[in-house]
Protein backbone atom coordinates (compact mmCIF):
# COMPACT_ATOMS: atom_id res chain seq x y z
CA MET A 1 67.52 110.11 -20.99
CA GLU A 2 68.88 111.32 -17.93
CA THR A 3 72.51 110.67 -18.78
CA SER A 4 73.44 114.24 -17.12
CA SER A 5 72.13 112.74 -13.63
CA ILE A 6 73.39 109.78 -11.59
CA PHE A 7 70.73 107.90 -13.76
CA SER A 8 71.11 106.26 -17.17
CA GLY A 9 67.28 106.78 -17.96
CA LEU A 10 66.34 102.96 -17.71
CA GLU A 11 65.96 102.53 -14.20
CA ASN A 12 62.61 101.64 -12.82
CA GLU A 13 61.03 103.25 -9.75
CA GLY A 14 62.04 100.93 -7.10
CA MET A 15 65.70 100.89 -8.19
CA ARG A 16 65.72 104.90 -7.97
CA ASP A 17 64.33 104.57 -4.45
CA LEU A 18 67.20 102.73 -3.21
CA THR A 19 69.67 104.96 -6.04
CA ASN A 20 70.60 101.70 -7.88
CA THR A 21 72.04 103.30 -10.87
CA LEU A 22 72.60 101.55 -14.43
CA LYS A 23 75.45 104.13 -14.72
CA ILE A 24 78.76 104.20 -13.82
CA GLN A 25 79.65 107.57 -11.84
CA PRO A 26 82.36 109.82 -13.17
CA THR A 27 84.15 109.64 -9.56
CA TYR A 28 84.30 105.51 -9.67
CA THR A 29 87.87 103.94 -9.86
CA TYR A 30 87.73 100.07 -9.76
CA GLU A 31 89.54 97.60 -8.03
CA PRO A 32 89.75 93.82 -9.58
CA ASN A 33 88.94 90.96 -7.36
CA ILE A 34 88.97 87.09 -7.82
CA LEU A 35 86.07 85.01 -6.21
CA GLU A 36 86.05 81.32 -5.84
CA LEU A 37 82.27 80.05 -6.06
CA GLN A 38 81.92 76.53 -4.23
CA PRO A 39 80.40 73.45 -5.78
CA ALA A 40 76.76 73.36 -4.93
CA ARG A 41 73.16 72.05 -5.71
CA VAL A 42 71.70 75.16 -7.02
CA VAL A 43 67.77 76.14 -8.52
CA CYS A 44 67.82 76.94 -12.26
CA CYS A 45 65.12 78.80 -12.78
CA MET A 46 63.22 77.79 -16.50
CA ASP A 47 61.38 80.36 -18.58
CA GLY A 48 58.08 78.79 -18.91
CA ALA A 49 58.92 75.38 -17.31
CA PRO A 50 59.36 74.16 -13.86
CA SER A 51 62.74 75.10 -11.96
CA LYS A 52 65.25 72.17 -11.74
CA ASN A 53 68.01 71.60 -9.60
CA VAL A 54 71.38 71.18 -11.00
CA ASN A 55 74.98 70.51 -10.07
CA PHE A 56 76.92 73.55 -10.35
CA ARG A 57 80.80 72.40 -10.48
CA GLY A 58 82.13 75.72 -9.17
CA CYS A 59 84.48 78.43 -10.66
CA LYS A 60 86.51 81.68 -10.59
CA ILE A 61 85.28 84.76 -11.51
CA ILE A 62 86.67 88.25 -11.95
CA ARG A 63 84.92 91.36 -10.59
CA LEU A 64 85.35 94.83 -10.97
CA LEU A 65 84.43 96.41 -7.41
CA VAL A 66 84.37 100.26 -6.81
CA SER A 67 87.14 101.15 -4.62
CA ALA A 68 86.28 102.46 -1.47
CA ASP A 69 87.68 105.87 -1.63
CA SER A 70 86.10 106.51 -4.96
CA SER A 71 82.68 105.11 -3.75
CA ASP A 72 79.75 107.95 -4.08
CA VAL A 73 77.74 107.40 -0.76
CA THR A 74 74.81 108.67 -2.84
CA THR A 75 74.45 105.55 -5.32
CA PHE A 76 74.46 101.89 -4.72
CA PRO A 77 77.95 101.02 -6.14
CA VAL A 78 78.15 99.59 -10.00
CA ASN A 79 79.93 96.56 -9.41
CA LEU A 80 80.59 94.46 -12.10
CA THR A 81 81.45 90.79 -13.05
CA ILE A 82 83.38 89.96 -16.28
CA ALA A 83 81.63 87.47 -18.78
CA GLY A 84 84.24 88.37 -21.24
CA PRO A 85 84.49 89.94 -24.85
CA CYS A 86 81.74 89.20 -27.24
CA TYR A 87 79.66 90.27 -30.47
CA TYR A 88 76.06 91.19 -30.60
CA THR A 89 74.03 89.92 -33.08
CA LYS A 90 70.35 89.96 -34.31
CA GLU A 91 69.67 86.82 -32.77
CA ASP A 92 71.00 87.56 -29.49
CA LYS A 93 68.70 90.73 -29.42
CA LYS A 94 65.82 88.71 -30.19
CA ASP A 95 66.93 86.37 -27.17
CA PHE A 96 67.40 89.39 -24.80
CA GLU A 97 63.95 90.69 -25.77
CA ILE A 98 62.38 87.66 -24.58
CA MET A 99 64.78 86.87 -21.61
CA MET A 100 64.51 90.44 -20.20
CA ARG A 101 61.13 90.98 -20.93
CA THR A 102 58.53 93.07 -18.83
CA ARG A 103 55.62 92.09 -17.08
CA GLU A 104 53.63 94.34 -19.89
CA GLN A 105 55.60 92.94 -22.51
CA SER A 106 55.02 89.58 -21.28
CA LEU A 107 51.56 89.89 -21.90
CA LEU A 108 51.94 91.04 -25.46
CA MET A 109 54.09 88.37 -25.97
CA LYS A 110 51.62 85.68 -24.40
CA LEU A 111 54.65 84.52 -22.48
CA PRO A 112 54.43 83.82 -18.47
CA TYR A 113 56.30 86.78 -16.20
CA ILE A 114 58.29 84.59 -13.57
CA SER A 115 59.71 87.27 -11.34
CA LYS A 116 57.66 88.99 -8.50
CA PHE A 117 59.71 92.23 -9.91
CA ASP A 118 59.77 94.32 -12.74
CA TRP A 119 63.06 94.87 -14.12
CA PRO A 120 64.25 97.15 -17.21
CA ASP A 121 63.99 95.39 -20.31
CA TYR A 122 66.60 94.72 -23.08
CA ARG A 123 67.59 98.02 -23.64
CA ALA A 124 69.46 98.11 -20.17
CA ILE A 125 71.46 95.20 -21.70
CA GLU A 126 72.33 97.43 -24.75
CA GLN A 127 73.24 100.23 -22.82
CA CYS A 128 76.81 100.87 -21.88
CA PRO A 129 76.97 101.47 -18.15
CA LYS A 130 79.61 103.93 -18.79
CA CYS A 131 79.18 106.18 -21.82
CA CYS A 132 75.33 105.15 -21.73
CA LYS A 133 75.51 104.61 -25.67
CA ARG A 134 72.94 101.91 -26.83
CA GLN A 135 74.58 99.02 -28.54
CA LYS A 136 73.00 97.72 -31.74
CA PRO A 137 73.26 94.28 -33.13
CA SER A 138 75.61 94.03 -35.97
CA SER A 139 77.49 91.80 -38.39
CA SER A 140 80.62 94.12 -38.81
CA GLY A 141 82.41 92.20 -36.11
CA THR A 142 82.26 95.12 -33.46
CA ARG A 143 83.29 93.61 -30.15
CA TYR A 144 81.77 94.42 -26.49
CA TRP A 145 82.66 93.17 -23.26
CA LEU A 146 79.81 91.63 -21.51
CA VAL A 147 79.67 92.37 -18.07
CA TYR A 148 77.09 91.57 -15.07
CA GLN A 149 75.90 94.10 -12.60
CA GLN A 150 73.96 93.31 -9.33
CA CYS A 151 70.70 95.40 -9.51
CA ILE A 152 68.59 95.97 -6.15
CA GLN A 153 65.30 97.57 -6.03
CA CYS A 154 62.52 98.28 -3.04
CA THR A 155 58.79 97.94 -3.66
CA GLU A 156 55.41 97.43 -1.59
CA ILE A 157 56.13 93.75 -1.88
CA GLY A 158 59.89 93.68 -0.63
CA VAL A 159 63.59 93.84 -1.98
CA GLY A 160 64.61 92.09 -5.48
CA THR A 161 67.81 91.54 -6.76
CA ARG A 162 68.94 90.46 -10.31
CA MET A 163 72.12 90.12 -12.13
CA MET A 164 71.64 92.39 -15.03
CA PRO A 165 73.76 91.64 -18.35
CA ARG A 166 75.26 94.60 -19.84
CA LEU A 167 77.26 95.20 -23.22
CA MET A 168 79.98 97.57 -22.52
CA CYS A 169 82.01 99.41 -25.22
CA GLU A 170 85.74 98.15 -25.63
CA GLU A 171 86.92 101.48 -25.19
CA CYS A 172 85.14 102.29 -22.19
CA PHE A 173 85.86 98.68 -20.48
CA GLU A 174 89.72 99.56 -21.24
CA SER A 175 89.40 103.05 -19.53
CA ILE A 176 88.21 101.44 -16.26
CA THR A 177 90.80 98.46 -16.37
CA ASP A 178 93.87 99.80 -18.02
CA GLU A 179 95.67 99.86 -14.68
CA PHE A 180 95.36 96.27 -14.06
CA TYR A 181 96.41 92.84 -15.29
CA VAL A 182 94.69 89.38 -14.14
CA SER A 183 96.90 86.19 -14.29
CA VAL A 184 95.21 82.74 -14.07
CA VAL A 185 97.62 79.66 -14.30
CA VAL A 186 95.24 76.84 -15.16
CA GLY A 187 95.86 73.92 -12.87
CA SER A 188 98.36 75.45 -10.39
CA GLY A 189 95.90 77.24 -8.26
CA THR A 190 97.50 80.36 -8.30
CA GLU A 191 96.43 83.84 -9.60
CA ALA A 192 97.55 87.51 -9.60
CA VAL A 193 95.35 90.35 -9.32
CA GLY A 194 96.74 93.97 -9.02
CA PRO A 195 98.16 97.00 -10.73
CA GLU A 196 100.00 96.75 -13.82
CA THR A 197 103.88 97.47 -13.06
């Protein structure tokens, strides 16, 4: 695995062509940001069934954006959306193996492949984006942070994007967020985000 380079070793050719890495670069520092997603009617892609339209009620999400002064212009920035703390079980792994299957794995599983693009499989979910250590399912209560990374690739059929779930070590997550706090007050519409004082 290419953990000594800018890549994690799990990126496909289309991602590499755009220097879209799955690995947080040593020069990166992060700034938290709260984004409000407005209510809308959205298309929900179903695995093995027709897509359907659903009502999305809107929400606020917390993102960690690579700060402009630390951005490495040679790579596509590894910006993260925080889903929250979680545990990783054997059942989760089975679900991710199916949900994040490649075209080749779909054939072996005898399941349809619904994307025009091929993406890294479930191993990218298990790989911490900072230290590149592979997380293993466990019943021991090891806690991780589930984050989502915007991925992009370019192939002969065009440009594709995907939000890739990633399991981040608790220590690695704390190492990029220890100078920040986020406070959200439910119902008041006020929130604070910024450096810890």
